[in-house]
PDB file of N, CA and C in Angstrom:
ATOM      1  N   MET A   1      -4.737  13.184   6.914  1.00  0.00           N
ATOM      2  CA  MET A   1      -6.028  12.006   5.777  1.00  0.00           C
ATOM      3  C   MET A   1      -4.844  11.030   4.799  1.00  0.00           C
ATOM      4  N   ILE A   2      -5.246  10.179   5.135  1.00  0.00           N
ATOM      5  CA  ILE A   2      -4.553   8.872   4.351  1.00  0.00           C
ATOM      6  C   ILE A   2      -5.495   8.657   3.038  1.00  0.00           C
ATOM      7  N   LYS A   3      -5.128   8.629   2.339  1.00  0.00           N
ATOM      8  CA  LYS A   3      -5.816   8.027   0.879  1.00  0.00           C
ATOM      9  C   LYS A   3      -4.930   7.057  -0.068  1.00  0.00           C
ATOM     10  N   CYS A   4      -5.055   5.675  -0.407  1.00  0.00           N
ATOM     11  CA  CYS A   4      -4.433   4.790  -1.014  1.00  0.00           C
ATOM     12  C   CYS A   4      -5.408   4.476  -2.139  1.00  0.00           C
ATOM     13  N   ILE A   5      -4.619   5.145  -3.281  1.00  0.00           N
ATOM     14  CA  ILE A   5      -5.276   4.675  -4.833  1.00  0.00           C
ATOM     15  C   ILE A   5      -4.416   3.405  -5.322  1.00  0.00           C
ATOM     16  N   ILE A   6      -5.689   2.634  -5.473  1.00  0.00           N
ATOM     17  CA  ILE A   6      -5.310   1.052  -5.676  1.00  0.00           C
ATOM     18  C   ILE A   6      -5.275   1.471  -7.351  1.00  0.00           C
ATOM     19  N   SER A   7      -4.236   0.547  -8.060  1.00  0.00           N
ATOM     20  CA  SER A   7      -4.399   0.374  -9.469  1.00  0.00           C
ATOM     21  C   SER A   7      -4.296  -1.128  -9.667  1.00  0.00           C
ATOM     22  N   ILE A   8      -5.033  -1.951 -10.119  1.00  0.00           N
ATOM     23  CA  ILE A   8      -4.896  -3.150 -10.310  1.00  0.00           C
ATOM     24  C   ILE A   8      -4.055  -3.663 -11.748  1.00  0.00           C
ATOM     25  N   THR A   9      -3.125  -4.217 -11.649  1.00  0.00           N
ATOM     26  CA  THR A   9      -2.428  -4.386 -12.693  1.00  0.00           C
ATOM     27  C   THR A   9      -2.716  -5.367 -13.909  1.00  0.00           C
ATOM     28  N   LEU A  10      -3.819  -5.908 -13.241  1.00  0.00           N
ATOM     29  CA  LEU A  10      -4.588  -6.758 -14.442  1.00  0.00           C
ATOM     30  C   LEU A  10      -5.309  -5.856 -15.203  1.00  0.00           C
ATOM     31  N   CYS A  11      -5.679  -4.721 -14.923  1.00  0.00           N
ATOM     32  CA  CYS A  11      -6.716  -4.283 -15.574  1.00  0.00           C
ATOM     33  C   CYS A  11      -6.189  -2.583 -16.134  1.00  0.00           C
ATOM     34  N   ARG A  12      -5.912  -2.442 -17.637  1.00  0.00           N
ATOM     35  CA  ARG A  12      -5.129  -1.106 -18.308  1.00  0.00           C
ATOM     36  C   ARG A  12      -6.084  -0.160 -17.866  1.00  0.00           C
ATOM     37  N   GLN A  13      -7.918  -0.475 -18.059  1.00  0.00           N
ATOM     38  CA  GLN A  13      -8.818   0.718 -18.011  1.00  0.00           C
ATOM     39  C   GLN A  13      -8.705   1.225 -16.516  1.00  0.00           C
ATOM     40  N   THR A  14      -8.431   0.499 -15.696  1.00  0.00           N
ATOM     41  CA  THR A  14      -8.590   0.916 -14.116  1.00  0.00           C
ATOM     42  C   THR A  14      -7.134   1.757 -14.001  1.00  0.00           C
ATOM     43  N   PHE A  15      -6.112   1.126 -14.775  1.00  0.00           N
ATOM     44  CA  PHE A  15      -4.803   2.012 -14.385  1.00  0.00           C
ATOM     45  C   PHE A  15      -4.934   3.464 -15.160  1.00  0.00           C
ATOM     46  N   LEU A  16      -5.477   3.425 -16.237  1.00  0.00           N
ATOM     47  CA  LEU A  16      -5.687   4.703 -16.864  1.00  0.00           C
ATOM     48  C   LEU A  16      -6.520   5.731 -16.159  1.00  0.00           C
ATOM     49  N   ASN A  17      -7.844   5.013 -15.313  1.00  0.00           N
ATOM     50  CA  ASN A  17      -8.486   5.760 -14.797  1.00  0.00           C
ATOM     51  C   ASN A  17      -7.885   6.464 -13.287  1.00  0.00           C
ATOM     52  N   THR A  18      -6.505   6.394 -12.954  1.00  0.00           N
ATOM     53  CA  THR A  18      -5.962   6.669 -11.864  1.00  0.00           C
ATOM     54  C   THR A  18      -5.722   7.965 -11.947  1.00  0.00           C
ATOM     55  N   THR A  19      -5.299   8.760 -13.078  1.00  0.00           N
ATOM     56  CA  THR A  19      -5.037  10.203 -13.116  1.00  0.00           C
ATOM     57  C   THR A  19      -6.183  10.625 -12.939  1.00  0.00           C
ATOM     58  N   ASN A  20      -7.250  10.296 -12.887  1.00  0.00           N
ATOM     59  CA  ASN A  20      -8.736  11.073 -12.649  1.00  0.00           C
ATOM     60  C   ASN A  20      -9.094  10.989 -11.053  1.00  0.00           C
ATOM     61  N   TRP A  21      -8.938   9.872 -10.777  1.00  0.00           N
ATOM     62  CA  TRP A  21      -8.948   9.394  -9.001  1.00  0.00           C
ATOM     63  C   TRP A  21      -8.172  10.489  -8.299  1.00  0.00           C
ATOM     64  N   ILE A  22      -6.845  10.337  -8.464  1.00  0.00           N
ATOM     65  CA  ILE A  22      -5.953  11.294  -7.622  1.00  0.00           C
ATOM     66  C   ILE A  22      -6.387  12.572  -7.894  1.00  0.00           C
ATOM     67  N   GLU A  23      -6.565  13.232  -9.094  1.00  0.00           N
ATOM     68  CA  GLU A  23      -6.809  14.519  -9.307  1.00  0.00           C
ATOM     69  C   GLU A  23      -8.248  14.950  -8.412  1.00  0.00           C
ATOM     70  N   GLU A  24      -9.167  14.233  -8.514  1.00  0.00           N
ATOM     71  CA  GLU A  24     -10.296  14.254  -7.407  1.00  0.00           C
ATOM     72  C   GLU A  24     -10.211  14.321  -5.903  1.00  0.00           C
ATOM     73  N   VAL A  25      -9.384  13.323  -5.494  1.00  0.00           N
ATOM     74  CA  VAL A  25      -8.558  13.394  -3.837  1.00  0.00           C
ATOM     75  C   VAL A  25      -7.786  14.695  -3.712  1.00  0.00           C
ATOM     76  N   ARG A  26      -6.913  14.985  -4.806  1.00  0.00           N
ATOM     77  CA  ARG A  26      -6.206  16.465  -4.441  1.00  0.00           C
ATOM     78  C   ARG A  26      -6.927  17.295  -4.291  1.00  0.00           C
ATOM     79  N   THR A  27      -8.141  17.631  -5.327  1.00  0.00           N
ATOM     80  CA  THR A  27      -9.108  18.531  -5.372  1.00  0.00           C
ATOM     81  C   THR A  27      -9.908  18.792  -3.831  1.00  0.00           C
ATOM     82  N   GLU A  28     -10.223  17.580  -3.523  1.00  0.00           N
ATOM     83  CA  GLU A  28     -10.882  17.687  -2.405  1.00  0.00           C
ATOM     84  C   GLU A  28     -10.231  17.693  -1.279  1.00  0.00           C
ATOM     85  N   ARG A  29      -8.941  17.018  -1.054  1.00  0.00           N
ATOM     86  CA  ARG A  29      -7.977  16.900   0.521  1.00  0.00           C
ATOM     87  C   ARG A  29      -6.957  17.929   0.217  1.00  0.00           C
ATOM     88  N   GLY A  30      -6.571  18.581  -0.848  1.00  0.00           N
ATOM     89  CA  GLY A  30      -5.491  19.283  -0.992  1.00  0.00           C
ATOM     90  C   GLY A  30      -3.964  18.511  -0.990  1.00  0.00           C
ATOM     91  N   SER A  31      -3.144  18.854  -0.262  1.00  0.00           N
ATOM     92  CA  SER A  31      -1.952  18.629  -0.274  1.00  0.00           C
ATOM     93  C   SER A  31      -1.686  17.577   1.308  1.00  0.00           C
ATOM     94  N   ASP A  32      -2.773  17.870   1.960  1.00  0.00           N
ATOM     95  CA  ASP A  32      -3.075  16.915   3.163  1.00  0.00           C
ATOM     96  C   ASP A  32      -3.178  15.388   2.995  1.00  0.00           C
ATOM     97  N   VAL A  33      -2.563  15.143   2.069  1.00  0.00           N
ATOM     98  CA  VAL A  33      -3.060  13.561   1.522  1.00  0.00           C
ATOM     99  C   VAL A  33      -2.009  12.689   1.462  1.00  0.00           C
ATOM    100  N   ILE A  34      -1.769  11.328   1.510  1.00  0.00           N
ATOM    101  CA  ILE A  34      -0.843  10.307   1.193  1.00  0.00           C
ATOM    102  C   ILE A  34      -1.314   9.487   0.196  1.00  0.00           C
ATOM    103  N   ILE A  35      -0.611   9.474  -1.084  1.00  0.00           N
ATOM    104  CA  ILE A  35      -1.411   9.039  -1.947  1.00  0.00           C
ATOM    105  C   ILE A  35      -0.114   7.685  -2.581  1.00  0.00           C
ATOM    106  N   VAL A  36      -0.605   6.386  -2.541  1.00  0.00           N
ATOM    107  CA  VAL A  36       0.375   5.476  -3.169  1.00  0.00           C
ATOM    108  C   VAL A  36      -0.667   4.732  -4.282  1.00  0.00           C
ATOM    109  N   LEU A  37       0.262   4.592  -5.448  1.00  0.00           N
ATOM    110  CA  LEU A  37      -0.156   3.921  -6.363  1.00  0.00           C
ATOM    111  C   LEU A  37       0.523   2.576  -6.253  1.00  0.00           C
ATOM    112  N   VAL A  38      -0.999   1.816  -6.279  1.00  0.00           N
ATOM    113  CA  VAL A  38      -0.317   0.212  -6.002  1.00  0.00           C
ATOM    114  C   VAL A  38      -0.827  -0.532  -7.231  1.00  0.00           C
ATOM    115  N   GLY A  39       0.510  -1.404  -7.539  1.00  0.00           N
ATOM    116  CA  GLY A  39       0.216  -2.597  -8.621  1.00  0.00           C
ATOM    117  C   GLY A  39      -0.050  -3.381  -7.897  1.00  0.00           C
ATOM    118  N   ASN A  40      -1.533  -4.090  -8.014  1.00  0.00           N
ATOM    119  CA  ASN A  40      -1.853  -5.592  -7.040  1.00  0.00           C
ATOM    120  C   ASN A  40      -2.034  -6.521  -8.150  1.00  0.00           C
ATOM    121  N   LYS A  41      -1.786  -7.719  -7.566  1.00  0.00           N
ATOM    122  CA  LYS A  41      -1.966  -9.168  -8.091  1.00  0.00           C
ATOM    123  C   LYS A  41      -0.781  -9.421  -8.983  1.00  0.00           C
ATOM    124  N   THR A  42       0.175  -9.137  -8.393  1.00  0.00           N
ATOM    125  CA  THR A  42       1.539  -9.514  -9.292  1.00  0.00           C
ATOM    126  C   THR A  42       1.624 -10.882  -9.394  1.00  0.00           C
ATOM    127  N   ASP A  43       1.176 -11.541  -8.664  1.00  0.00           N
ATOM    128  CA  ASP A  43       1.533 -12.982  -8.722  1.00  0.00           C
ATOM    129  C   ASP A  43       0.570 -13.750  -9.893  1.00  0.00           C
ATOM    130  N   LEU A  44      -0.161 -12.741 -10.742  1.00  0.00           N
ATOM    131  CA  LEU A  44      -0.831 -13.346 -11.844  1.00  0.00           C
ATOM    132  C   LEU A  44       0.026 -12.877 -13.473  1.00  0.00           C
ATOM    133  N   VAL A  45       1.310 -12.834 -13.040  1.00  0.00           N
ATOM    134  CA  VAL A  45       1.994 -12.742 -14.153  1.00  0.00           C
ATOM    135  C   VAL A  45       1.570 -12.393 -15.622  1.00  0.00           C
ATOM    136  N   GLU A  46       0.872 -13.973 -15.893  1.00  0.00           N
ATOM    137  CA  GLU A  46       0.320 -13.999 -17.347  1.00  0.00           C
ATOM    138  C   GLU A  46      -0.580 -13.099 -17.829  1.00  0.00           C
ATOM    139  N   LYS A  47      -1.373 -12.609 -16.664  1.00  0.00           N
ATOM    140  CA  LYS A  47      -2.646 -11.653 -17.255  1.00  0.00           C
ATOM    141  C   LYS A  47      -2.205 -10.295 -16.983  1.00  0.00           C
ATOM    142  N   ARG A  48      -0.636  -9.984 -16.413  1.00  0.00           N
ATOM    143  CA  ARG A  48      -0.470  -8.674 -16.814  1.00  0.00           C
ATOM    144  C   ARG A  48      -0.966  -7.591 -17.606  1.00  0.00           C
ATOM    145  N   GLN A  49      -1.203  -6.388 -17.616  1.00  0.00           N
ATOM    146  CA  GLN A  49      -1.529  -5.363 -18.525  1.00  0.00           C
ATOM    147  C   GLN A  49      -1.056  -4.318 -18.322  1.00  0.00           C
ATOM    148  N   VAL A  50      -0.412  -4.055 -17.210  1.00  0.00           N
ATOM    149  CA  VAL A  50       0.424  -2.956 -17.073  1.00  0.00           C
ATOM    150  C   VAL A  50       1.735  -3.128 -16.489  1.00  0.00           C
ATOM    151  N   SER A  51       2.793  -2.871 -17.235  1.00  0.00           N
ATOM    152  CA  SER A  51       4.412  -3.119 -16.849  1.00  0.00           C
ATOM    153  C   SER A  51       4.581  -2.412 -15.409  1.00  0.00           C
ATOM    154  N   ILE A  52       5.932  -2.707 -14.905  1.00  0.00           N
ATOM    155  CA  ILE A  52       6.387  -1.930 -13.659  1.00  0.00           C
ATOM    156  C   ILE A  52       6.619  -0.946 -14.350  1.00  0.00           C
ATOM    157  N   GLU A  53       7.242  -0.565 -15.558  1.00  0.00           N
ATOM    158  CA  GLU A  53       7.692   0.720 -15.697  1.00  0.00           C
ATOM    159  C   GLU A  53       6.908   1.493 -16.048  1.00  0.00           C
ATOM    160  N   GLU A  54       5.576   1.302 -16.423  1.00  0.00           N
ATOM    161  CA  GLU A  54       4.433   1.825 -16.590  1.00  0.00           C
ATOM    162  C   GLU A  54       4.186   2.512 -15.387  1.00  0.00           C
ATOM    163  N   GLY A  55       3.665   1.586 -14.584  1.00  0.00           N
ATOM    164  CA  GLY A  55       3.447   2.072 -13.206  1.00  0.00           C
ATOM    165  C   GLY A  55       4.229   3.204 -12.264  1.00  0.00           C
ATOM    166  N   GLU A  56       5.320   2.715 -12.805  1.00  0.00           N
ATOM    167  CA  GLU A  56       6.425   3.759 -11.934  1.00  0.00           C
ATOM    168  C   GLU A  56       6.731   5.004 -12.762  1.00  0.00           C
ATOM    169  N   ALA A  57       6.334   5.116 -13.764  1.00  0.00           N
ATOM    170  CA  ALA A  57       6.354   6.235 -14.778  1.00  0.00           C
ATOM    171  C   ALA A  57       5.209   6.846 -14.702  1.00  0.00           C
ATOM    172  N   LYS A  58       4.125   6.301 -14.490  1.00  0.00           N
ATOM    173  CA  LYS A  58       2.849   7.247 -13.960  1.00  0.00           C
ATOM    174  C   LYS A  58       2.813   7.929 -12.492  1.00  0.00           C
ATOM    175  N   ALA A  59       3.552   6.764 -11.660  1.00  0.00           N
ATOM    176  CA  ALA A  59       3.874   7.544 -10.296  1.00  0.00           C
ATOM    177  C   ALA A  59       4.641   8.753 -10.276  1.00  0.00           C
ATOM    178  N   ARG A  60       5.581   8.672 -11.101  1.00  0.00           N
ATOM    179  CA  ARG A  60       6.295   9.982 -11.319  1.00  0.00           C
ATOM    180  C   ARG A  60       5.949  11.053 -11.478  1.00  0.00           C
ATOM    181  N   GLU A  61       4.880  10.768 -12.874  1.00  0.00           N
ATOM    182  CA  GLU A  61       4.274  11.794 -13.304  1.00  0.00           C
ATOM    183  C   GLU A  61       3.196  12.598 -12.570  1.00  0.00           C
ATOM    184  N   LEU A  62       2.568  11.823 -11.619  1.00  0.00           N
ATOM    185  CA  LEU A  62       1.536  12.414 -10.653  1.00  0.00           C
ATOM    186  C   LEU A  62       1.783  12.685  -9.384  1.00  0.00           C
ATOM    187  N   ASN A  63       3.423  12.690  -9.214  1.00  0.00           N
ATOM    188  CA  ASN A  63       4.036  12.677  -8.144  1.00  0.00           C
ATOM    189  C   ASN A  63       3.633  12.085  -6.695  1.00  0.00           C
ATOM    190  N   VAL A  64       3.164  10.548  -6.955  1.00  0.00           N
ATOM    191  CA  VAL A  64       2.939   9.765  -5.967  1.00  0.00           C
ATOM    192  C   VAL A  64       3.663   8.764  -5.755  1.00  0.00           C
ATOM    193  N   MET A  65       3.830   7.940  -4.620  1.00  0.00           N
ATOM    194  CA  MET A  65       4.669   6.623  -4.136  1.00  0.00           C
ATOM    195  C   MET A  65       4.085   5.746  -5.195  1.00  0.00           C
ATOM    196  N   TYR A  66       4.743   4.653  -5.370  1.00  0.00           N
ATOM    197  CA  TYR A  66       4.263   3.417  -6.225  1.00  0.00           C
ATOM    198  C   TYR A  66       5.078   2.404  -5.686  1.00  0.00           C
ATOM    199  N   ILE A  67       4.178   1.084  -5.165  1.00  0.00           N
ATOM    200  CA  ILE A  67       4.836  -0.061  -5.075  1.00  0.00           C
ATOM    201  C   ILE A  67       3.665  -1.545  -5.528  1.00  0.00           C
ATOM    202  N   GLU A  68       4.388  -2.403  -6.208  1.00  0.00           N
ATOM    203  CA  GLU A  68       3.612  -3.547  -6.471  1.00  0.00           C
ATOM    204  C   GLU A  68       3.523  -4.672  -5.497  1.00  0.00           C
ATOM    205  N   THR A  69       2.356  -5.242  -5.254  1.00  0.00           N
ATOM    206  CA  THR A  69       1.915  -5.863  -4.028  1.00  0.00           C
ATOM    207  C   THR A  69       1.158  -7.396  -5.017  1.00  0.00           C
ATOM    208  N   SER A  70       1.390  -8.292  -3.941  1.00  0.00           N
ATOM    209  CA  SER A  70      -0.141  -9.742  -3.923  1.00  0.00           C
ATOM    210  C   SER A  70      -0.144  -9.841  -2.957  1.00  0.00           C
ATOM    211  N   ALA A  71      -1.671  -9.457  -2.476  1.00  0.00           N
ATOM    212  CA  ALA A  71      -2.162  -9.959  -1.123  1.00  0.00           C
ATOM    213  C   ALA A  71      -2.267 -11.452  -1.255  1.00  0.00           C
ATOM    214  N   LYS A  72      -2.471 -12.428  -2.402  1.00  0.00           N
ATOM    215  CA  LYS A  72      -2.494 -13.553  -2.434  1.00  0.00           C
ATOM    216  C   LYS A  72      -1.126 -14.292  -2.019  1.00  0.00           C
ATOM    217  N   ALA A  73       0.108 -13.906  -2.216  1.00  0.00           N
ATOM    218  CA  ALA A  73       1.068 -14.269  -2.076  1.00  0.00           C
ATOM    219  C   ALA A  73       1.811 -13.329  -0.895  1.00  0.00           C
ATOM    220  N   GLY A  74       1.334 -12.344  -0.252  1.00  0.00           N
ATOM    221  CA  GLY A  74       1.809 -11.881   0.775  1.00  0.00           C
ATOM    222  C   GLY A  74       2.824 -10.826   0.169  1.00  0.00           C
ATOM    223  N   PHE A  75       3.115 -10.483  -0.931  1.00  0.00           N
ATOM    224  CA  PHE A  75       4.381  -9.985  -1.538  1.00  0.00           C
ATOM    225  C   PHE A  75       4.183  -8.412  -1.317  1.00  0.00           C
ATOM    226  N   ASN A  76       4.982  -7.785  -0.266  1.00  0.00           N
ATOM    227  CA  ASN A  76       5.153  -6.527  -0.247  1.00  0.00           C
ATOM    228  C   ASN A  76       3.777  -5.743   0.446  1.00  0.00           C
ATOM    229  N   ILE A  77       3.375  -6.518   1.075  1.00  0.00           N
ATOM    230  CA  ILE A  77       1.931  -5.921   1.648  1.00  0.00           C
ATOM    231  C   ILE A  77       2.632  -5.276   2.878  1.00  0.00           C
ATOM    232  N   LYS A  78       3.417  -5.587   3.857  1.00  0.00           N
ATOM    233  CA  LYS A  78       3.873  -5.086   4.914  1.00  0.00           C
ATOM    234  C   LYS A  78       4.742  -3.785   4.566  1.00  0.00           C
ATOM    235  N   ALA A  79       5.207  -4.158   3.001  1.00  0.00           N
ATOM    236  CA  ALA A  79       6.215  -2.863   2.737  1.00  0.00           C
ATOM    237  C   ALA A  79       5.389  -1.559   2.429  1.00  0.00           C
ATOM    238  N   LEU A  80       4.274  -2.023   1.936  1.00  0.00           N
ATOM    239  CA  LEU A  80       3.130  -0.769   1.523  1.00  0.00           C
ATOM    240  C   LEU A  80       2.928   0.116   2.761  1.00  0.00           C
ATOM    241  N   PHE A  81       2.291  -0.681   3.906  1.00  0.00           N
ATOM    242  CA  PHE A  81       2.042  -0.061   4.849  1.00  0.00           C
ATOM    243  C   PHE A  81       3.098   0.491   5.876  1.00  0.00           C
ATOM    244  N   ARG A  82       4.312  -0.047   5.666  1.00  0.00           N
ATOM    245  CA  ARG A  82       5.297   0.863   5.898  1.00  0.00           C
ATOM    246  C   ARG A  82       5.917   1.908   5.509  1.00  0.00           C
ATOM    247  N   LYS A  83       5.511   2.010   4.058  1.00  0.00           N
ATOM    248  CA  LYS A  83       5.910   3.013   3.112  1.00  0.00           C
ATOM    249  C   LYS A  83       4.664   4.456   3.716  1.00  0.00           C
ATOM    250  N   ILE A  84       3.863   3.664   3.783  1.00  0.00           N
ATOM    251  CA  ILE A  84       2.591   4.717   4.371  1.00  0.00           C
ATOM    252  C   ILE A  84       3.012   5.684   5.381  1.00  0.00           C
ATOM    253  N   ALA A  85       3.350   4.795   6.344  1.00  0.00           N
ATOM    254  CA  ALA A  85       3.340   4.850   8.188  1.00  0.00           C
ATOM    255  C   ALA A  85       4.902   5.771   7.932  1.00  0.00           C
ATOM    256  N   ALA A  86       5.837   5.558   7.115  1.00  0.00           N
ATOM    257  CA  ALA A  86       7.135   6.290   7.071  1.00  0.00           C
ATOM    258  C   ALA A  86       6.835   7.921   6.457  1.00  0.00           C
ATOM    259  N   ALA A  87       5.662   7.870   5.714  1.00  0.00           N
ATOM    260  CA  ALA A  87       5.321   9.327   5.340  1.00  0.00           C
ATOM    261  C   ALA A  87       4.267  10.239   5.834  1.00  0.00           C
ATOM    262  N   LEU A  88       3.911   9.548   7.103  1.00  0.00           N
ATOM    263  CA  LEU A  88       3.041   9.969   7.797  1.00  0.00           C
ATOM    264  C   LEU A  88       3.737  11.506   8.439  1.00  0.00           C
ATOM    265  N   PRO A  89       2.983  12.598   8.623  1.00  0.00           N
ATOM    266  CA  PRO A  89       3.767  13.900   9.397  1.00  0.00           C
ATOM    267  C   PRO A  89       4.477  13.506  10.584  1.00  0.00           C
ATOM    268  N   GLY A  90       5.510  13.916  10.795  1.00  0.00           N
ATOM    269  CA  GLY A  90       6.684  13.568  12.031  1.00  0.00           C
ATOM    270  C   GLY A  90       7.474  12.319  11.950  1.00  0.00           C
ATOM    271  N   MET A  91       7.373  11.563  10.949  1.00  0.00           N
ATOM    272  CA  MET A  91       7.829  10.405  10.547  1.00  0.00           C
ATOM    273  C   MET A  91       9.458  10.662  10.228  1.00  0.00           C
ATOM    274  N   GLU A  92       9.319  11.914   9.377  1.00  0.00           N
ATOM    275  CA  GLU A  92      10.732  12.043   8.627  1.00  0.00           C
ATOM    276  C   GLU A  92      11.535  11.856   9.367  1.00  0.00           C
ATOM    277  N   THR A  93      11.764  12.111  10.808  1.00  0.00           N
ATOM    278  CA  THR A  93      12.622  12.134  11.628  1.00  0.00           C
ATOM    279  C   THR A  93      13.286  11.004  12.361  1.00  0.00           C
ATOM    280  N   VAL A  94      12.132   9.728  12.161  1.00  0.00           N
ATOM    281  CA  VAL A  94      12.508   8.496  12.534  1.00  0.00           C
ATOM    282  C   VAL A  94      13.588   7.908  11.551  1.00  0.00           C
ATOM    283  N   SER A  95      14.839   7.554  11.756  1.00  0.00           N
ATOM    284  CA  SER A  95      15.727   6.976  10.918  1.00  0.00           C
ATOM    285  C   SER A  95      15.260   5.899  10.521  1.00  0.00           C
ATOM    286  N   SER A  96      16.068   5.551   9.089  1.00  0.00           N
ATOM    287  CA  SER A  96      15.920   4.323   8.508  1.00  0.00           C
ATOM    288  C   SER A  96      16.062   3.069   9.170  1.00  0.00           C
ATOM    289  N   ALA A  97      17.219   3.130   9.855  1.00  0.00           N
ATOM    290  CA  ALA A  97      17.606   2.258  10.825  1.00  0.00           C
ATOM    291  C   ALA A  97      16.492   1.935  11.809  1.00  0.00           C
ATOM    292  N   LYS A  98      15.755   2.542  12.675  1.00  0.00           N
ATOM    293  CA  LYS A  98      14.792   2.250  13.207  1.00  0.00           C
ATOM    294  C   LYS A  98      13.555   1.660  12.525  1.00  0.00           C
ATOM    295  N   GLN A  99      13.371   2.384  11.278  1.00  0.00           N
ATOM    296  CA  GLN A  99      12.102   1.558  10.637  1.00  0.00           C
ATOM    297  C   GLN A  99      12.413   0.409  10.541  1.00  0.00           C
ATOM    298  N   GLU A 100      13.749   0.171   9.873  1.00  0.00           N
ATOM    299  CA  GLU A 100      14.343  -1.498   9.203  1.00  0.00           C
ATOM    300  C   GLU A 100      13.953  -2.276  10.553  1.00  0.00           C
ATOM    301  N   GLY A 101      13.981  -1.878  11.752  1.00  0.00           N
ATOM    302  CA  GLY A 101      14.181  -2.578  12.967  1.00  0.00           C
ATOM    303  C   GLY A 101      12.632  -2.982  13.755  1.00  0.00           C
ATOM    304  N   MET A 102      11.592  -2.454  12.775  1.00  0.00           N
ATOM    305  CA  MET A 102      10.237  -2.559  13.358  1.00  0.00           C
ATOM    306  C   MET A 102      10.084  -4.156  13.495  1.00  0.00           C
ATOM    307  N   VAL A 103       9.396  -4.769  14.383  1.00  0.00           N
ATOM    308  CA  VAL A 103       8.808  -5.835  14.538  1.00  0.00           C
ATOM    309  C   VAL A 103       7.352  -6.027  14.401  1.00  0.00           C
ATOM    310  N   ASP A 104       7.448  -7.364  13.661  1.00  0.00           N
ATOM    311  CA  ASP A 104       6.213  -7.475  13.054  1.00  0.00           C
ATOM    312  C   ASP A 104       5.102  -8.461  14.261  1.00  0.00           C
ATOM    313  N   VAL A 105       3.957  -8.125  14.920  1.00  0.00           N
ATOM    314  CA  VAL A 105       3.337  -8.622  15.596  1.00  0.00           C
ATOM    315  C   VAL A 105       1.905  -9.601  15.012  1.00  0.00           C
ATOM    316  N   ASN A 106       2.217 -11.055  15.433  1.00  0.00           N
ATOM    317  CA  ASN A 106       1.265 -11.671  14.984  1.00  0.00           C
ATOM    318  C   ASN A 106       0.051 -11.880  16.161  1.00  0.00           C
ATOM    319  N   LEU A 107      -1.271 -11.393  15.894  1.00  0.00           N
ATOM    320  CA  LEU A 107      -2.324 -11.525  16.899  1.00  0.00           C
ATOM    321  C   LEU A 107      -2.865 -12.469  17.086  1.00  0.00           C
ATOM    322  N   LYS A 108      -2.569 -13.614  16.424  1.00  0.00           N
ATOM    323  CA  LYS A 108      -3.131 -15.313  16.128  1.00  0.00           C
ATOM    324  C   LYS A 108      -2.577 -15.948  17.489  1.00  0.00           C
ATOM    325  N   SER A 109      -3.136 -16.651  18.193  1.00  0.00           N
ATOM    326  CA  SER A 109      -3.003 -17.364  19.291  1.00  0.00           C
ATOM    327  C   SER A 109      -2.280 -18.655  18.552  1.00  0.00           C
ATOM    328  N   SER A 110      -2.000 -19.304  19.415  1.00  0.00           N
ATOM    329  CA  SER A 110      -1.097 -21.048  18.911  1.00  0.00           C
ATOM    330  C   SER A 110      -2.258 -21.724  18.261  1.00  0.00           C
ATOM    331  N   SER A 111      -3.400 -21.853  18.703  1.00  0.00           N
ATOM    332  CA  SER A 111      -4.736 -22.427  17.912  1.00  0.00           C
ATOM    333  C   SER A 111      -4.767 -22.140  16.579  1.00  0.00           C
ATOM    334  N   GLY A 112      -4.669 -20.823  16.407  1.00  0.00           N
ATOM    335  CA  GLY A 112      -4.612 -20.221  15.002  1.00  0.00           C
ATOM    336  C   GLY A 112      -5.957 -19.271  15.352  1.00  0.00           C
ATOM    337  N   ASN A 113      -6.724 -19.076  16.288  1.00  0.00           N
ATOM    338  CA  ASN A 113      -7.653 -18.012  16.504  1.00  0.00           C
ATOM    339  C   ASN A 113      -7.063 -16.870  16.581  1.00  0.00           C
ATOM    340  N   ALA A 114      -7.877 -15.993  16.351  1.00  0.00           N
ATOM    341  CA  ALA A 114      -7.327 -14.522  16.596  1.00  0.00           C
ATOM    342  C   ALA A 114      -8.103 -14.361  18.230  1.00  0.00           C
ATOM    343  N   GLN A 115      -6.951 -13.443  18.874  1.00  0.00           N
ATOM    344  CA  GLN A 115      -7.661 -13.345  20.005  1.00  0.00           C
ATOM    345  C   GLN A 115      -8.495 -12.456  20.181  1.00  0.00           C
ATOM    346  N   ALA A 116      -8.994 -11.773  19.156  1.00  0.00           N
ATOM    347  CA  ALA A 116     -10.144 -10.613  19.485  1.00  0.00           C
ATOM    348  C   ALA A 116     -11.563 -11.633  19.463  1.00  0.00           C
ATOM    349  N   GLN A 117     -11.644 -12.992  18.812  1.00  0.00           N
ATOM    350  CA  GLN A 117     -12.430 -13.940  18.758  1.00  0.00           C
ATOM    351  C   GLN A 117     -12.979 -14.162  20.226  1.00  0.00           C
ATOM    352  N   SER A 118     -11.898 -14.369  21.082  1.00  0.00           N
ATOM    353  CA  SER A 118     -12.528 -14.913  22.442  1.00  0.00           C
ATOM    354  C   SER A 118     -12.898 -14.196  23.033  1.00  0.00           C
ATOM    355  N   SER A 119     -13.813 -14.380  24.141  1.00  0.00           N
ATOM    356  CA  SER A 119     -14.649 -13.592  24.981  1.00  0.00           C
ATOM    357  C   SER A 119     -13.577 -13.208  26.287  1.00  0.00           C
ATOM    358  N   GLY A 120     -12.665 -13.759  26.528  1.00  0.00           N
ATOM    359  CA  GLY A 120     -11.836 -13.227  27.669  1.00  0.00           C
ATOM    360  C   GLY A 120     -10.322 -13.068  27.225  1.00  0.00           C
ATOM    361  N   CYS A 121      -9.646 -12.626  28.527  1.00  0.00           N
ATOM    362  CA  CYS A 121      -8.200 -12.265  28.379  1.00  0.00           C
ATOM    363  C   CYS A 121      -7.561 -13.306  28.207  1.00  0.00           C
ATOM    364  N   SER A 122      -6.486 -13.390  27.572  1.00  0.00           N
ATOM    365  CA  SER A 122      -5.781 -14.618  27.098  1.00  0.00           C
ATOM    366  C   SER A 122      -4.653 -14.840  28.371  1.00  0.00           C
ATOM    367  N   CYS A 123      -4.376 -13.783  29.472  1.00  0.00           N
ATOM    368  CA  CYS A 123      -3.621 -14.059  30.415  1.00  0.00           C
ATOM    369  C   CYS A 123      -3.855 -14.918  31.475  1.00  0.00           C
TER     370      CYS A 123
END
């Protein structure tokens, strides 16, 4: 089971509630869960209410992974999913060199429309 807890860096109250959410997840799912504390919206620097150091300290305190992202700027989004994938059972045997060599796949056609939107095969 994968569960991603998101803490928006813009909101201190949301950040403070992460402890309760993580405890609830662990109570319901036990240790068979991957939890990542995500500081989001890092592109809004001037509105930040939670520092990187606070986020990292909270993650250490709760024994969860931590990463900061910006969906708008595309910062660390792929890294977040790679971090989760690397934590999946069985992935500990995959070398870091193989993980770094992962290839990004773009499912958009050259016209900019996703292939899934077409009615037929693109071959």
